[in-house]
Amino acid sequence: MKLSEIGEKQRCKITAILAKDKLLQKLLDMGFVIGAELEVVREAPLYDPMELKIHNYLITLRKSEAVLVKVEPCKS
């Protein structure tokens, strides 16, 4: 499942990152590492961008970037 498909207030865990080059480095620098848990805090009115909580930080990510992050829902 892609991060862009996760709805508001849902938690998930990163399983893979499909980005390359500079975008991959940007995501890694922001804390998007395999195994990290995140929560979709909210989405903009037109669903782009989305606000995420990861490692106790709030980060805004475009859907075009979120589609490159594979996740699995957390069992909570």
N, C-alpha and C. Protein backbone atom coordinates (compact mmCIF):
# COMPACT_ATOMS: atom_id res chain seq x y z
N MET A 1 0.85 -1.17 0.00
CA MET A 1 0.00 0.00 0.00
C MET A 1 0.90 1.24 0.00
N LYS A 2 0.45 2.29 -0.66
CA LYS A 2 1.22 3.53 -0.74
C LYS A 2 0.78 4.51 0.35
N LEU A 3 1.70 5.32 0.80
CA LEU A 3 1.39 6.32 1.83
C LEU A 3 0.29 7.26 1.36
N SER A 4 0.23 7.55 0.08
CA SER A 4 -0.78 8.46 -0.45
C SER A 4 -2.19 7.90 -0.31
N GLU A 5 -2.32 6.59 -0.06
CA GLU A 5 -3.63 5.95 0.06
C GLU A 5 -4.14 5.90 1.51
N ILE A 6 -3.31 6.29 2.46
CA ILE A 6 -3.68 6.25 3.87
C ILE A 6 -4.54 7.47 4.20
N GLY A 7 -5.61 7.24 4.95
CA GLY A 7 -6.52 8.32 5.30
C GLY A 7 -6.12 9.05 6.57
N GLU A 8 -6.83 10.13 6.87
CA GLU A 8 -6.56 10.93 8.07
C GLU A 8 -6.70 10.10 9.33
N LYS A 9 -5.86 10.42 10.31
CA LYS A 9 -5.86 9.81 11.65
C LYS A 9 -5.46 8.33 11.63
N GLN A 10 -4.93 7.84 10.53
CA GLN A 10 -4.48 6.45 10.47
C GLN A 10 -2.98 6.38 10.68
N ARG A 11 -2.55 5.29 11.33
CA ARG A 11 -1.12 5.06 11.59
C ARG A 11 -0.63 3.94 10.68
N CYS A 12 0.63 4.04 10.29
CA CYS A 12 1.22 3.02 9.44
C CYS A 12 2.72 2.95 9.67
N LYS A 13 3.34 1.92 9.10
CA LYS A 13 4.77 1.70 9.24
C LYS A 13 5.38 1.64 7.84
N ILE A 14 6.52 2.28 7.66
CA ILE A 14 7.18 2.32 6.35
C ILE A 14 7.84 0.97 6.08
N THR A 15 7.56 0.42 4.89
CA THR A 15 8.15 -0.86 4.49
C THR A 15 9.17 -0.72 3.36
N ALA A 16 9.04 0.33 2.55
CA ALA A 16 9.98 0.54 1.44
C ALA A 16 9.87 1.97 0.95
N ILE A 17 10.97 2.46 0.37
CA ILE A 17 10.99 3.79 -0.23
C ILE A 17 11.48 3.63 -1.66
N LEU A 18 10.65 4.04 -2.62
CA LEU A 18 10.95 3.84 -4.04
C LEU A 18 11.58 5.05 -4.70
N ALA A 19 11.80 6.11 -3.96
CA ALA A 19 12.39 7.34 -4.51
C ALA A 19 13.86 7.10 -4.84
N LYS A 20 14.42 7.99 -5.65
CA LYS A 20 15.83 7.90 -6.04
C LYS A 20 16.50 9.25 -5.93
N ASP A 21 17.81 9.22 -5.90
CA ASP A 21 18.66 10.40 -5.95
C ASP A 21 18.32 11.43 -4.86
N LYS A 22 18.10 12.68 -5.28
CA LYS A 22 17.89 13.77 -4.32
C LYS A 22 16.62 13.61 -3.50
N LEU A 23 15.57 13.11 -4.12
CA LEU A 23 14.31 12.93 -3.39
C LEU A 23 14.48 11.85 -2.31
N LEU A 24 15.18 10.78 -2.62
CA LEU A 24 15.45 9.75 -1.61
C LEU A 24 16.22 10.34 -0.44
N GLN A 25 17.24 11.13 -0.73
CA GLN A 25 18.03 11.74 0.34
C GLN A 25 17.19 12.69 1.17
N LYS A 26 16.30 13.44 0.52
CA LYS A 26 15.42 14.37 1.23
C LYS A 26 14.51 13.60 2.19
N LEU A 27 13.92 12.50 1.72
CA LEU A 27 13.04 11.71 2.57
C LEU A 27 13.79 11.08 3.74
N LEU A 28 14.98 10.57 3.48
CA LEU A 28 15.79 9.99 4.55
C LEU A 28 16.16 11.05 5.59
N ASP A 29 16.52 12.24 5.13
CA ASP A 29 16.86 13.33 6.04
C ASP A 29 15.68 13.73 6.92
N MET A 30 14.46 13.59 6.40
CA MET A 30 13.26 13.95 7.16
C MET A 30 12.81 12.83 8.10
N GLY A 31 13.49 11.69 8.06
CA GLY A 31 13.16 10.60 8.98
C GLY A 31 12.37 9.47 8.38
N PHE A 32 12.18 9.47 7.07
CA PHE A 32 11.45 8.39 6.41
C PHE A 32 12.41 7.22 6.19
N VAL A 33 12.50 6.36 7.21
CA VAL A 33 13.36 5.18 7.14
C VAL A 33 12.48 3.95 7.32
N ILE A 34 12.93 2.84 6.80
CA ILE A 34 12.16 1.61 6.89
C ILE A 34 11.96 1.24 8.35
N GLY A 35 10.72 0.95 8.70
CA GLY A 35 10.38 0.60 10.07
C GLY A 35 9.82 1.75 10.88
N ALA A 36 9.97 2.97 10.40
CA ALA A 36 9.46 4.14 11.13
C ALA A 36 7.93 4.16 11.08
N GLU A 37 7.31 4.49 12.21
CA GLU A 37 5.86 4.61 12.26
C GLU A 37 5.47 6.07 12.07
N LEU A 38 4.38 6.28 11.37
CA LEU A 38 3.89 7.64 11.15
C LEU A 38 2.38 7.67 11.20
N GLU A 39 1.86 8.86 11.35
CA GLU A 39 0.41 9.07 11.40
C GLU A 39 0.04 10.20 10.45
N VAL A 40 -1.03 10.01 9.70
CA VAL A 40 -1.54 11.08 8.84
C VAL A 40 -2.37 11.99 9.73
N VAL A 41 -1.89 13.20 9.96
CA VAL A 41 -2.58 14.14 10.84
C VAL A 41 -3.78 14.74 10.13
N ARG A 42 -3.56 15.26 8.94
CA ARG A 42 -4.66 15.82 8.15
C ARG A 42 -4.21 16.01 6.71
N GLU A 43 -5.21 16.24 5.85
CA GLU A 43 -4.94 16.50 4.44
C GLU A 43 -5.50 17.87 4.09
N ALA A 44 -4.90 18.50 3.11
CA ALA A 44 -5.40 19.80 2.64
C ALA A 44 -6.79 19.61 2.03
N PRO A 45 -7.55 20.68 1.89
CA PRO A 45 -8.92 20.56 1.35
C PRO A 45 -8.99 19.83 0.00
N LEU A 46 -8.01 19.98 -0.83
CA LEU A 46 -8.01 19.27 -2.11
C LEU A 46 -7.11 18.03 -2.06
N TYR A 47 -6.82 17.55 -0.84
CA TYR A 47 -6.07 16.32 -0.56
C TYR A 47 -4.59 16.38 -0.90
N ASP A 48 -4.06 17.53 -1.19
CA ASP A 48 -2.64 17.65 -1.47
C ASP A 48 -2.15 18.99 -0.98
N PRO A 49 -1.21 19.09 -0.11
CA PRO A 49 -0.37 18.04 0.48
C PRO A 49 -1.03 17.41 1.70
N MET A 50 -0.30 16.49 2.33
CA MET A 50 -0.77 15.85 3.56
C MET A 50 0.21 16.14 4.69
N GLU A 51 -0.31 16.29 5.89
CA GLU A 51 0.54 16.54 7.05
C GLU A 51 0.72 15.23 7.81
N LEU A 52 1.96 14.90 8.12
CA LEU A 52 2.30 13.64 8.76
C LEU A 52 3.03 13.89 10.07
N LYS A 53 2.86 12.98 11.01
CA LYS A 53 3.63 13.02 12.25
C LYS A 53 4.55 11.81 12.23
N ILE A 54 5.86 12.07 12.24
CA ILE A 54 6.86 11.02 12.21
C ILE A 54 7.99 11.43 13.15
N HIS A 55 8.40 10.52 14.02
CA HIS A 55 9.45 10.79 15.01
C HIS A 55 9.15 12.06 15.83
N ASN A 56 7.88 12.27 16.18
CA ASN A 56 7.44 13.43 16.95
C ASN A 56 7.61 14.77 16.22
N TYR A 57 7.73 14.73 14.91
CA TYR A 57 7.80 15.94 14.08
C TYR A 57 6.58 15.97 13.18
N LEU A 58 6.13 17.17 12.84
CA LEU A 58 5.08 17.33 11.84
C LEU A 58 5.73 17.72 10.52
N ILE A 59 5.41 16.96 9.48
CA ILE A 59 6.01 17.17 8.17
C ILE A 59 4.89 17.23 7.13
N THR A 60 5.01 18.12 6.18
CA THR A 60 4.07 18.20 5.08
C THR A 60 4.71 17.57 3.85
N LEU A 61 3.96 16.68 3.20
CA LEU A 61 4.49 15.94 2.07
C LEU A 61 3.49 15.97 0.92
N ARG A 62 3.97 16.19 -0.28
CA ARG A 62 3.11 16.16 -1.46
C ARG A 62 2.68 14.73 -1.75
N LYS A 63 1.50 14.59 -2.35
CA LYS A 63 1.02 13.25 -2.73
C LYS A 63 1.96 12.61 -3.76
N SER A 64 2.56 13.43 -4.64
CA SER A 64 3.49 12.89 -5.64
C SER A 64 4.72 12.28 -4.99
N GLU A 65 5.07 12.75 -3.79
CA GLU A 65 6.18 12.17 -3.03
C GLU A 65 5.69 11.00 -2.17
N ALA A 66 4.49 11.12 -1.63
CA ALA A 66 3.93 10.08 -0.78
C ALA A 66 3.67 8.79 -1.55
N VAL A 67 3.44 8.89 -2.83
CA VAL A 67 3.18 7.70 -3.64
C VAL A 67 4.43 6.81 -3.74
N LEU A 68 5.59 7.36 -3.44
CA LEU A 68 6.85 6.61 -3.52
C LEU A 68 7.22 5.93 -2.21
N VAL A 69 6.37 6.06 -1.19
CA VAL A 69 6.64 5.45 0.11
C VAL A 69 5.62 4.32 0.33
N LYS A 70 6.13 3.10 0.45
CA LYS A 70 5.25 1.94 0.70
C LYS A 70 5.10 1.76 2.20
N VAL A 71 3.87 1.49 2.64
CA VAL A 71 3.58 1.35 4.06
C VAL A 71 2.66 0.15 4.30
N GLU A 72 2.56 -0.23 5.56
CA GLU A 72 1.57 -1.20 5.99
C GLU A 72 0.87 -0.62 7.21
N PRO A 73 -0.44 -0.82 7.32
CA PRO A 73 -1.18 -0.27 8.47
C PRO A 73 -0.64 -0.85 9.77
N CYS A 74 -0.63 -0.03 10.82
CA CYS A 74 -0.21 -0.48 12.15
C CYS A 74 -1.38 -1.20 12.81
N LYS A 75 -1.05 -2.20 13.57
CA LYS A 75 -2.07 -2.93 14.32
C LYS A 75 -2.12 -2.32 15.72
N SER A 76 -3.12 -1.46 15.92
CA SER A 76 -3.20 -0.79 17.24
C SER A 76 -4.54 -0.99 17.89
